[in-house]
PDB file of N, CA and C in Angstrom:
ATOM      1  N   UNK A   1      -2.632  73.477  28.039  1.00  0.00           N
ATOM      2  CA  UNK A   1      -4.045  73.087  27.587  1.00  0.00           C
ATOM      3  C   UNK A   1      -5.055  73.428  28.637  1.00  0.00           C
ATOM      4  N   UNK A   2      -6.204  74.111  28.109  1.00  0.00           N
ATOM      5  CA  UNK A   2      -7.142  74.408  29.134  1.00  0.00           C
ATOM      6  C   UNK A   2      -8.559  73.890  28.646  1.00  0.00           C
ATOM      7  N   UNK A   3      -9.451  73.550  29.540  1.00  0.00           N
ATOM      8  CA  UNK A   3     -10.695  72.947  29.402  1.00  0.00           C
ATOM      9  C   UNK A   3     -11.840  73.844  30.142  1.00  0.00           C
ATOM     10  N   UNK A   4     -12.804  73.810  29.108  1.00  0.00           N
ATOM     11  CA  UNK A   4     -13.839  74.599  29.580  1.00  0.00           C
ATOM     12  C   UNK A   4     -15.358  73.737  29.659  1.00  0.00           C
ATOM     13  N   UNK A   5     -16.029  74.107  30.623  1.00  0.00           N
ATOM     14  CA  UNK A   5     -17.300  73.779  30.827  1.00  0.00           C
ATOM     15  C   UNK A   5     -18.229  74.833  31.044  1.00  0.00           C
ATOM     16  N   UNK A   6     -19.479  75.044  30.407  1.00  0.00           N
ATOM     17  CA  UNK A   6     -20.251  76.009  30.520  1.00  0.00           C
ATOM     18  C   UNK A   6     -19.692  77.472  30.581  1.00  0.00           C
ATOM     19  N   UNK A   7     -18.699  77.623  29.630  1.00  0.00           N
ATOM     20  CA  UNK A   7     -18.061  79.009  29.636  1.00  0.00           C
ATOM     21  C   UNK A   7     -17.044  79.247  30.538  1.00  0.00           C
ATOM     22  N   UNK A   8     -16.757  78.327  31.610  1.00  0.00           N
ATOM     23  CA  UNK A   8     -15.642  78.476  32.676  1.00  0.00           C
ATOM     24  C   UNK A   8     -14.486  77.677  32.489  1.00  0.00           C
ATOM     25  N   UNK A   9     -13.267  78.120  32.698  1.00  0.00           N
ATOM     26  CA  UNK A   9     -12.154  77.220  32.778  1.00  0.00           C
ATOM     27  C   UNK A   9     -12.173  76.216  33.848  1.00  0.00           C
ATOM     28  N   UNK A  10     -12.059  74.986  33.607  1.00  0.00           N
ATOM     29  CA  UNK A  10     -12.108  73.898  34.751  1.00  0.00           C
ATOM     30  C   UNK A  10     -10.946  73.361  35.021  1.00  0.00           C
ATOM     31  N   UNK A  11     -10.034  73.351  34.079  1.00  0.00           N
ATOM     32  CA  UNK A  11      -8.760  72.594  34.132  1.00  0.00           C
ATOM     33  C   UNK A  11      -7.661  73.193  33.243  1.00  0.00           C
ATOM     34  N   UNK A  12      -6.504  73.522  33.696  1.00  0.00           N
ATOM     35  CA  UNK A  12      -5.250  73.788  32.995  1.00  0.00           C
ATOM     36  C   UNK A  12      -4.118  73.003  33.172  1.00  0.00           C
ATOM     37  N   UNK A  13      -3.386  72.552  32.339  1.00  0.00           N
ATOM     38  CA  UNK A  13      -2.254  71.647  32.750  1.00  0.00           C
ATOM     39  C   UNK A  13      -1.630  71.404  31.236  1.00  0.00           C
ATOM     40  N   UNK A  14      -0.123  70.882  31.442  1.00  0.00           N
ATOM     41  CA  UNK A  14       0.457  70.510  30.326  1.00  0.00           C
ATOM     42  C   UNK A  14       0.032  69.139  29.813  1.00  0.00           C
ATOM     43  N   UNK A  15       0.384  68.828  28.608  1.00  0.00           N
ATOM     44  CA  UNK A  15      -0.087  67.383  27.973  1.00  0.00           C
ATOM     45  C   UNK A  15       0.542  66.230  28.987  1.00  0.00           C
ATOM     46  N   UNK A  16       1.715  66.413  29.455  1.00  0.00           N
ATOM     47  CA  UNK A  16       2.200  65.449  30.452  1.00  0.00           C
ATOM     48  C   UNK A  16       1.405  65.262  31.758  1.00  0.00           C
ATOM     49  N   UNK A  17       0.977  66.248  32.318  1.00  0.00           N
ATOM     50  CA  UNK A  17       0.437  66.398  33.498  1.00  0.00           C
ATOM     51  C   UNK A  17      -1.081  65.842  33.370  1.00  0.00           C
ATOM     52  N   UNK A  18      -1.730  66.267  32.098  1.00  0.00           N
ATOM     53  CA  UNK A  18      -2.949  65.674  31.849  1.00  0.00           C
ATOM     54  C   UNK A  18      -3.037  64.138  31.740  1.00  0.00           C
ATOM     55  N   UNK A  19      -2.013  63.560  31.122  1.00  0.00           N
ATOM     56  CA  UNK A  19      -1.963  62.158  30.884  1.00  0.00           C
ATOM     57  C   UNK A  19      -1.861  61.605  32.250  1.00  0.00           C
ATOM     58  N   UNK A  20      -0.828  61.995  32.951  1.00  0.00           N
ATOM     59  CA  UNK A  20      -0.427  61.422  34.369  1.00  0.00           C
ATOM     60  C   UNK A  20      -1.532  61.553  35.430  1.00  0.00           C
ATOM     61  N   UNK A  21      -2.115  62.589  35.511  1.00  0.00           N
ATOM     62  CA  UNK A  21      -3.170  62.845  36.492  1.00  0.00           C
ATOM     63  C   UNK A  21      -4.251  63.937  36.216  1.00  0.00           C
ATOM     64  N   UNK A  22      -5.084  63.520  35.326  1.00  0.00           N
ATOM     65  CA  UNK A  22      -6.040  64.566  34.967  1.00  0.00           C
ATOM     66  C   UNK A  22      -7.000  64.717  36.148  1.00  0.00           C
ATOM     67  N   UNK A  23      -7.567  66.012  36.226  1.00  0.00           N
ATOM     68  CA  UNK A  23      -8.459  66.331  37.215  1.00  0.00           C
ATOM     69  C   UNK A  23      -9.780  66.367  36.856  1.00  0.00           C
ATOM     70  N   UNK A  24     -10.190  66.368  35.610  1.00  0.00           N
ATOM     71  CA  UNK A  24     -11.714  66.254  35.320  1.00  0.00           C
ATOM     72  C   UNK A  24     -11.803  65.247  34.136  1.00  0.00           C
ATOM     73  N   UNK A  25     -12.991  64.836  34.044  1.00  0.00           N
ATOM     74  CA  UNK A  25     -13.441  64.049  32.814  1.00  0.00           C
ATOM     75  C   UNK A  25     -12.935  64.599  31.450  1.00  0.00           C
ATOM     76  N   UNK A  26     -13.172  65.797  31.227  1.00  0.00           N
ATOM     77  CA  UNK A  26     -12.774  66.551  30.133  1.00  0.00           C
ATOM     78  C   UNK A  26     -11.165  66.318  29.697  1.00  0.00           C
ATOM     79  N   UNK A  27     -10.408  66.752  30.907  1.00  0.00           N
ATOM     80  CA  UNK A  27      -8.984  66.439  30.705  1.00  0.00           C
ATOM     81  C   UNK A  27      -8.499  64.948  30.614  1.00  0.00           C
ATOM     82  N   UNK A  28      -9.399  63.897  31.155  1.00  0.00           N
ATOM     83  CA  UNK A  28      -9.032  62.581  30.934  1.00  0.00           C
ATOM     84  C   UNK A  28      -9.595  62.073  29.546  1.00  0.00           C
ATOM     85  N   UNK A  29     -10.540  62.743  29.031  1.00  0.00           N
ATOM     86  CA  UNK A  29     -11.090  62.162  27.765  1.00  0.00           C
ATOM     87  C   UNK A  29     -10.479  62.709  26.588  1.00  0.00           C
ATOM     88  N   UNK A  30      -9.521  63.743  26.749  1.00  0.00           N
ATOM     89  CA  UNK A  30      -8.790  63.983  25.566  1.00  0.00           C
ATOM     90  C   UNK A  30      -8.014  62.933  24.908  1.00  0.00           C
ATOM     91  N   UNK A  31      -7.649  61.999  25.616  1.00  0.00           N
ATOM     92  CA  UNK A  31      -6.869  60.857  25.070  1.00  0.00           C
ATOM     93  C   UNK A  31      -7.781  59.810  24.454  1.00  0.00           C
ATOM     94  N   UNK A  32      -7.356  59.212  23.370  1.00  0.00           N
ATOM     95  CA  UNK A  32      -7.923  58.271  22.565  1.00  0.00           C
ATOM     96  C   UNK A  32      -8.678  57.068  23.563  1.00  0.00           C
ATOM     97  N   UNK A  33      -9.665  56.390  23.000  1.00  0.00           N
ATOM     98  CA  UNK A  33     -10.086  55.281  23.593  1.00  0.00           C
ATOM     99  C   UNK A  33     -10.601  55.282  25.009  1.00  0.00           C
ATOM    100  N   UNK A  34     -10.801  56.439  25.675  1.00  0.00           N
ATOM    101  CA  UNK A  34     -11.398  56.536  26.955  1.00  0.00           C
ATOM    102  C   UNK A  34     -12.788  56.048  27.004  1.00  0.00           C
ATOM    103  N   UNK A  35     -13.142  55.461  28.034  1.00  0.00           N
ATOM    104  CA  UNK A  35     -14.570  54.977  28.469  1.00  0.00           C
ATOM    105  C   UNK A  35     -14.996  55.676  29.889  1.00  0.00           C
ATOM    106  N   UNK A  36     -16.232  55.754  30.046  1.00  0.00           N
ATOM    107  CA  UNK A  36     -16.640  56.243  31.339  1.00  0.00           C
ATOM    108  C   UNK A  36     -17.416  55.213  32.022  1.00  0.00           C
ATOM    109  N   UNK A  37     -17.174  55.255  33.315  1.00  0.00           N
ATOM    110  CA  UNK A  37     -18.012  54.205  34.237  1.00  0.00           C
ATOM    111  C   UNK A  37     -18.702  55.035  35.254  1.00  0.00           C
ATOM    112  N   UNK A  38     -19.914  55.115  35.366  1.00  0.00           N
ATOM    113  CA  UNK A  38     -20.734  55.890  36.445  1.00  0.00           C
ATOM    114  C   UNK A  38     -20.816  55.237  37.638  1.00  0.00           C
ATOM    115  N   UNK A  39     -21.105  55.999  38.741  1.00  0.00           N
ATOM    116  CA  UNK A  39     -21.135  55.275  40.010  1.00  0.00           C
ATOM    117  C   UNK A  39     -21.436  56.221  41.169  1.00  0.00           C
ATOM    118  N   UNK A  40     -21.160  55.858  42.447  1.00  0.00           N
ATOM    119  CA  UNK A  40     -21.434  56.732  43.384  1.00  0.00           C
ATOM    120  C   UNK A  40     -20.282  56.801  44.393  1.00  0.00           C
ATOM    121  N   UNK A  41     -19.779  57.877  44.923  1.00  0.00           N
ATOM    122  CA  UNK A  41     -18.559  57.962  45.840  1.00  0.00           C
ATOM    123  C   UNK A  41     -19.345  58.008  47.340  1.00  0.00           C
ATOM    124  N   UNK A  42     -18.690  57.052  47.951  1.00  0.00           N
ATOM    125  CA  UNK A  42     -19.284  56.963  49.498  1.00  0.00           C
ATOM    126  C   UNK A  42     -17.872  56.480  50.297  1.00  0.00           C
ATOM    127  N   UNK A  43     -17.568  57.195  50.988  1.00  0.00           N
ATOM    128  CA  UNK A  43     -16.552  57.256  52.048  1.00  0.00           C
ATOM    129  C   UNK A  43     -15.356  56.844  51.428  1.00  0.00           C
ATOM    130  N   UNK A  44     -14.891  57.809  50.457  1.00  0.00           N
ATOM    131  CA  UNK A  44     -13.554  57.810  49.818  1.00  0.00           C
ATOM    132  C   UNK A  44     -13.322  56.751  48.633  1.00  0.00           C
ATOM    133  N   UNK A  45     -14.486  56.028  48.324  1.00  0.00           N
ATOM    134  CA  UNK A  45     -14.532  55.068  47.116  1.00  0.00           C
ATOM    135  C   UNK A  45     -15.634  55.218  46.104  1.00  0.00           C
ATOM    136  N   UNK A  46     -15.255  55.126  44.768  1.00  0.00           N
ATOM    137  CA  UNK A  46     -16.392  55.366  43.693  1.00  0.00           C
ATOM    138  C   UNK A  46     -16.673  53.855  43.633  1.00  0.00           C
ATOM    139  N   UNK A  47     -18.073  53.590  43.885  1.00  0.00           N
ATOM    140  CA  UNK A  47     -18.715  52.296  43.763  1.00  0.00           C
ATOM    141  C   UNK A  47     -19.350  52.206  42.419  1.00  0.00           C
ATOM    142  N   UNK A  48     -18.903  51.103  41.472  1.00  0.00           N
ATOM    143  CA  UNK A  48     -19.398  51.152  40.209  1.00  0.00           C
ATOM    144  C   UNK A  48     -19.894  49.498  40.026  1.00  0.00           C
ATOM    145  N   UNK A  49     -20.539  49.381  38.927  1.00  0.00           N
ATOM    146  CA  UNK A  49     -20.798  48.019  38.452  1.00  0.00           C
ATOM    147  C   UNK A  49     -19.785  47.085  38.105  1.00  0.00           C
ATOM    148  N   UNK A  50     -18.534  47.705  38.150  1.00  0.00           N
ATOM    149  CA  UNK A  50     -17.142  46.760  37.904  1.00  0.00           C
ATOM    150  C   UNK A  50     -16.596  46.908  39.223  1.00  0.00           C
ATOM    151  N   UNK A  51     -17.082  47.162  40.396  1.00  0.00           N
ATOM    152  CA  UNK A  51     -16.251  47.297  41.568  1.00  0.00           C
ATOM    153  C   UNK A  51     -15.935  48.809  42.104  1.00  0.00           C
ATOM    154  N   UNK A  52     -15.317  48.760  43.347  1.00  0.00           N
ATOM    155  CA  UNK A  52     -15.052  49.966  43.900  1.00  0.00           C
ATOM    156  C   UNK A  52     -13.466  50.369  43.630  1.00  0.00           C
ATOM    157  N   UNK A  53     -13.553  51.665  43.590  1.00  0.00           N
ATOM    158  CA  UNK A  53     -12.251  52.346  43.040  1.00  0.00           C
ATOM    159  C   UNK A  53     -11.859  53.533  44.101  1.00  0.00           C
ATOM    160  N   UNK A  54     -10.497  53.758  44.553  1.00  0.00           N
ATOM    161  CA  UNK A  54     -10.313  54.864  45.184  1.00  0.00           C
ATOM    162  C   UNK A  54     -10.802  56.071  44.648  1.00  0.00           C
ATOM    163  N   UNK A  55     -11.336  57.005  45.584  1.00  0.00           N
ATOM    164  CA  UNK A  55     -11.908  58.274  45.063  1.00  0.00           C
ATOM    165  C   UNK A  55     -11.340  59.404  46.145  1.00  0.00           C
ATOM    166  N   UNK A  56      -9.929  59.442  46.277  1.00  0.00           N
ATOM    167  CA  UNK A  56      -9.358  60.450  47.340  1.00  0.00           C
ATOM    168  C   UNK A  56      -9.794  61.807  47.046  1.00  0.00           C
ATOM    169  N   UNK A  57     -10.368  62.168  47.923  1.00  0.00           N
ATOM    170  CA  UNK A  57     -10.652  63.807  48.121  1.00  0.00           C
ATOM    171  C   UNK A  57     -11.949  64.095  47.534  1.00  0.00           C
ATOM    172  N   UNK A  58     -12.872  63.115  47.097  1.00  0.00           N
ATOM    173  CA  UNK A  58     -13.980  63.499  46.618  1.00  0.00           C
ATOM    174  C   UNK A  58     -15.118  63.467  47.592  1.00  0.00           C
ATOM    175  N   UNK A  59     -16.242  64.185  47.427  1.00  0.00           N
ATOM    176  CA  UNK A  59     -17.485  64.249  48.487  1.00  0.00           C
ATOM    177  C   UNK A  59     -18.301  62.963  48.004  1.00  0.00           C
ATOM    178  N   UNK A  60     -19.063  62.659  48.890  1.00  0.00           N
ATOM    179  CA  UNK A  60     -19.859  61.467  48.595  1.00  0.00           C
ATOM    180  C   UNK A  60     -20.984  62.060  47.687  1.00  0.00           C
ATOM    181  N   UNK A  61     -21.362  61.246  46.753  1.00  0.00           N
ATOM    182  CA  UNK A  61     -22.464  61.627  45.626  1.00  0.00           C
ATOM    183  C   UNK A  61     -22.246  60.875  44.378  1.00  0.00           C
ATOM    184  N   UNK A  62     -22.727  61.473  43.418  1.00  0.00           N
ATOM    185  CA  UNK A  62     -22.538  60.748  42.139  1.00  0.00           C
ATOM    186  C   UNK A  62     -21.148  60.903  41.564  1.00  0.00           C
ATOM    187  N   UNK A  63     -20.637  60.032  40.926  1.00  0.00           N
ATOM    188  CA  UNK A  63     -19.159  60.123  40.341  1.00  0.00           C
ATOM    189  C   UNK A  63     -18.950  59.403  39.206  1.00  0.00           C
ATOM    190  N   UNK A  64     -17.830  59.747  38.290  1.00  0.00           N
ATOM    191  CA  UNK A  64     -17.612  59.005  37.017  1.00  0.00           C
ATOM    192  C   UNK A  64     -16.150  58.510  37.129  1.00  0.00           C
ATOM    193  N   UNK A  65     -15.783  57.332  36.615  1.00  0.00           N
ATOM    194  CA  UNK A  65     -14.417  56.964  36.272  1.00  0.00           C
ATOM    195  C   UNK A  65     -14.168  57.058  34.799  1.00  0.00           C
ATOM    196  N   UNK A  66     -13.008  57.536  34.584  1.00  0.00           N
ATOM    197  CA  UNK A  66     -12.693  57.650  33.147  1.00  0.00           C
ATOM    198  C   UNK A  66     -11.697  56.770  32.868  1.00  0.00           C
ATOM    199  N   UNK A  67     -11.676  55.604  32.193  1.00  0.00           N
ATOM    200  CA  UNK A  67     -10.817  54.499  31.925  1.00  0.00           C
ATOM    201  C   UNK A  67     -10.171  54.749  30.533  1.00  0.00           C
ATOM    202  N   UNK A  68      -8.893  54.562  30.512  1.00  0.00           N
ATOM    203  CA  UNK A  68      -8.190  54.678  29.209  1.00  0.00           C
ATOM    204  C   UNK A  68      -7.611  53.248  28.915  1.00  0.00           C
ATOM    205  N   UNK A  69      -7.287  52.885  27.506  1.00  0.00           N
ATOM    206  CA  UNK A  69      -6.768  51.661  27.282  1.00  0.00           C
ATOM    207  C   UNK A  69      -5.578  51.361  28.101  1.00  0.00           C
ATOM    208  N   UNK A  70      -5.414  50.168  28.636  1.00  0.00           N
ATOM    209  CA  UNK A  70      -4.548  49.693  29.528  1.00  0.00           C
ATOM    210  C   UNK A  70      -4.477  50.047  31.159  1.00  0.00           C
ATOM    211  N   UNK A  71      -5.899  50.697  31.368  1.00  0.00           N
ATOM    212  CA  UNK A  71      -5.853  51.088  32.649  1.00  0.00           C
ATOM    213  C   UNK A  71      -6.473  50.071  33.587  1.00  0.00           C
ATOM    214  N   UNK A  72      -6.967  48.945  33.083  1.00  0.00           N
ATOM    215  CA  UNK A  72      -7.456  47.741  34.004  1.00  0.00           C
ATOM    216  C   UNK A  72      -6.767  46.500  33.435  1.00  0.00           C
ATOM    217  N   UNK A  73      -6.560  45.695  34.382  1.00  0.00           N
ATOM    218  CA  UNK A  73      -5.893  44.325  34.137  1.00  0.00           C
ATOM    219  C   UNK A  73      -7.094  43.120  34.636  1.00  0.00           C
ATOM    220  N   UNK A  74      -7.347  42.187  33.662  1.00  0.00           N
ATOM    221  CA  UNK A  74      -8.299  41.262  34.082  1.00  0.00           C
ATOM    222  C   UNK A  74      -7.402  40.123  34.802  1.00  0.00           C
ATOM    223  N   UNK A  75      -8.246  39.705  36.004  1.00  0.00           N
ATOM    224  CA  UNK A  75      -7.685  38.712  36.736  1.00  0.00           C
ATOM    225  C   UNK A  75      -8.886  37.688  37.153  1.00  0.00           C
ATOM    226  N   UNK A  76      -8.433  36.319  37.463  1.00  0.00           N
ATOM    227  CA  UNK A  76      -9.267  35.402  37.544  1.00  0.00           C
ATOM    228  C   UNK A  76     -10.422  35.541  38.690  1.00  0.00           C
ATOM    229  N   UNK A  77     -11.667  35.531  38.541  1.00  0.00           N
ATOM    230  CA  UNK A  77     -12.581  35.943  39.603  1.00  0.00           C
ATOM    231  C   UNK A  77     -13.324  34.493  40.165  1.00  0.00           C
ATOM    232  N   UNK A  78     -12.581  34.000  41.108  1.00  0.00           N
ATOM    233  CA  UNK A  78     -13.158  32.558  41.603  1.00  0.00           C
ATOM    234  C   UNK A  78     -14.466  32.600  41.951  1.00  0.00           C
ATOM    235  N   UNK A  79     -14.824  33.804  42.516  1.00  0.00           N
ATOM    236  CA  UNK A  79     -16.404  34.072  43.078  1.00  0.00           C
ATOM    237  C   UNK A  79     -17.340  34.238  42.108  1.00  0.00           C
ATOM    238  N   UNK A  80     -17.012  34.318  40.703  1.00  0.00           N
ATOM    239  CA  UNK A  80     -17.934  34.312  39.761  1.00  0.00           C
ATOM    240  C   UNK A  80     -18.774  35.636  39.661  1.00  0.00           C
ATOM    241  N   UNK A  81     -18.168  36.675  40.040  1.00  0.00           N
ATOM    242  CA  UNK A  81     -18.831  38.040  40.050  1.00  0.00           C
ATOM    243  C   UNK A  81     -19.129  38.524  38.618  1.00  0.00           C
ATOM    244  N   UNK A  82     -18.169  38.282  37.826  1.00  0.00           N
ATOM    245  CA  UNK A  82     -18.382  38.728  36.258  1.00  0.00           C
ATOM    246  C   UNK A  82     -17.964  37.644  35.372  1.00  0.00           C
ATOM    247  N   UNK A  83     -18.767  37.515  34.301  1.00  0.00           N
ATOM    248  CA  UNK A  83     -18.434  36.487  33.402  1.00  0.00           C
ATOM    249  C   UNK A  83     -18.183  37.062  32.036  1.00  0.00           C
ATOM    250  N   UNK A  84     -17.050  36.762  31.325  1.00  0.00           N
ATOM    251  CA  UNK A  84     -16.768  37.264  29.909  1.00  0.00           C
ATOM    252  C   UNK A  84     -17.679  36.685  29.008  1.00  0.00           C
ATOM    253  N   UNK A  85     -18.369  37.525  28.151  1.00  0.00           N
ATOM    254  CA  UNK A  85     -19.252  36.798  27.101  1.00  0.00           C
ATOM    255  C   UNK A  85     -18.479  36.862  25.911  1.00  0.00           C
ATOM    256  N   UNK A  86     -17.557  37.517  25.661  1.00  0.00           N
ATOM    257  CA  UNK A  86     -16.807  37.812  24.191  1.00  0.00           C
ATOM    258  C   UNK A  86     -15.437  38.607  24.666  1.00  0.00           C
ATOM    259  N   UNK A  87     -14.395  38.043  24.003  1.00  0.00           N
ATOM    260  CA  UNK A  87     -13.171  38.689  24.131  1.00  0.00           C
ATOM    261  C   UNK A  87     -12.458  38.571  22.661  1.00  0.00           C
ATOM    262  N   UNK A  88     -11.905  39.808  22.263  1.00  0.00           N
ATOM    263  CA  UNK A  88     -11.255  39.957  20.952  1.00  0.00           C
ATOM    264  C   UNK A  88     -10.141  40.623  21.086  1.00  0.00           C
ATOM    265  N   UNK A  89      -9.013  40.099  20.304  1.00  0.00           N
ATOM    266  CA  UNK A  89      -7.630  40.734  20.135  1.00  0.00           C
ATOM    267  C   UNK A  89      -7.729  42.167  19.724  1.00  0.00           C
ATOM    268  N   UNK A  90      -7.131  43.113  20.131  1.00  0.00           N
ATOM    269  CA  UNK A  90      -7.362  44.581  19.576  1.00  0.00           C
ATOM    270  C   UNK A  90      -5.868  45.160  19.740  1.00  0.00           C
ATOM    271  N   UNK A  91      -5.020  44.700  18.835  1.00  0.00           N
ATOM    272  CA  UNK A  91      -3.721  45.406  18.734  1.00  0.00           C
ATOM    273  C   UNK A  91      -3.026  45.065  20.069  1.00  0.00           C
ATOM    274  N   UNK A  92      -2.466  46.050  20.845  1.00  0.00           N
ATOM    275  CA  UNK A  92      -1.710  45.743  22.003  1.00  0.00           C
ATOM    276  C   UNK A  92      -2.613  45.205  23.088  1.00  0.00           C
ATOM    277  N   UNK A  93      -3.852  44.841  23.008  1.00  0.00           N
ATOM    278  CA  UNK A  93      -4.504  44.235  24.188  1.00  0.00           C
ATOM    279  C   UNK A  93      -5.689  43.568  23.801  1.00  0.00           C
ATOM    280  N   UNK A  94      -6.455  43.350  24.646  1.00  0.00           N
ATOM    281  CA  UNK A  94      -7.899  42.528  24.285  1.00  0.00           C
ATOM    282  C   UNK A  94      -9.068  43.468  24.758  1.00  0.00           C
ATOM    283  N   UNK A  95     -10.080  43.319  23.853  1.00  0.00           N
ATOM    284  CA  UNK A  95     -11.398  43.943  24.296  1.00  0.00           C
ATOM    285  C   UNK A  95     -12.274  42.869  24.844  1.00  0.00           C
ATOM    286  N   UNK A  96     -12.827  43.009  26.116  1.00  0.00           N
ATOM    287  CA  UNK A  96     -13.476  41.954  26.852  1.00  0.00           C
ATOM    288  C   UNK A  96     -14.841  42.381  27.175  1.00  0.00           C
ATOM    289  N   UNK A  97     -15.808  41.866  26.905  1.00  0.00           N
ATOM    290  CA  UNK A  97     -17.205  42.298  27.108  1.00  0.00           C
ATOM    291  C   UNK A  97     -17.613  41.301  28.455  1.00  0.00           C
ATOM    292  N   UNK A  98     -18.104  42.015  29.304  1.00  0.00           N
ATOM    293  CA  UNK A  98     -18.527  41.425  30.557  1.00  0.00           C
ATOM    294  C   UNK A  98     -19.984  41.304  30.706  1.00  0.00           C
TER     295      UNK A  98
END
């Protein structure tokens, strides 16, 4: 599989490699139910409204996390940083609105 941006090939990989470790948002986004989360990379972390995520080998600056179903697990937040305002069962998991 090959992905292009602005007429240039930006990623090539087998379907298995794309699923396991996509290198671009286009590669990650080929799978259903992907969501993006914008943020900023600083000192090896992507800082977003939902917290910080490892951003190995990325330069400081704008960044985007691409999340797919099952990528996140909800845990209790005793500090109260987030509050669930709605939760709905959606087949194999739940959709939670924070």
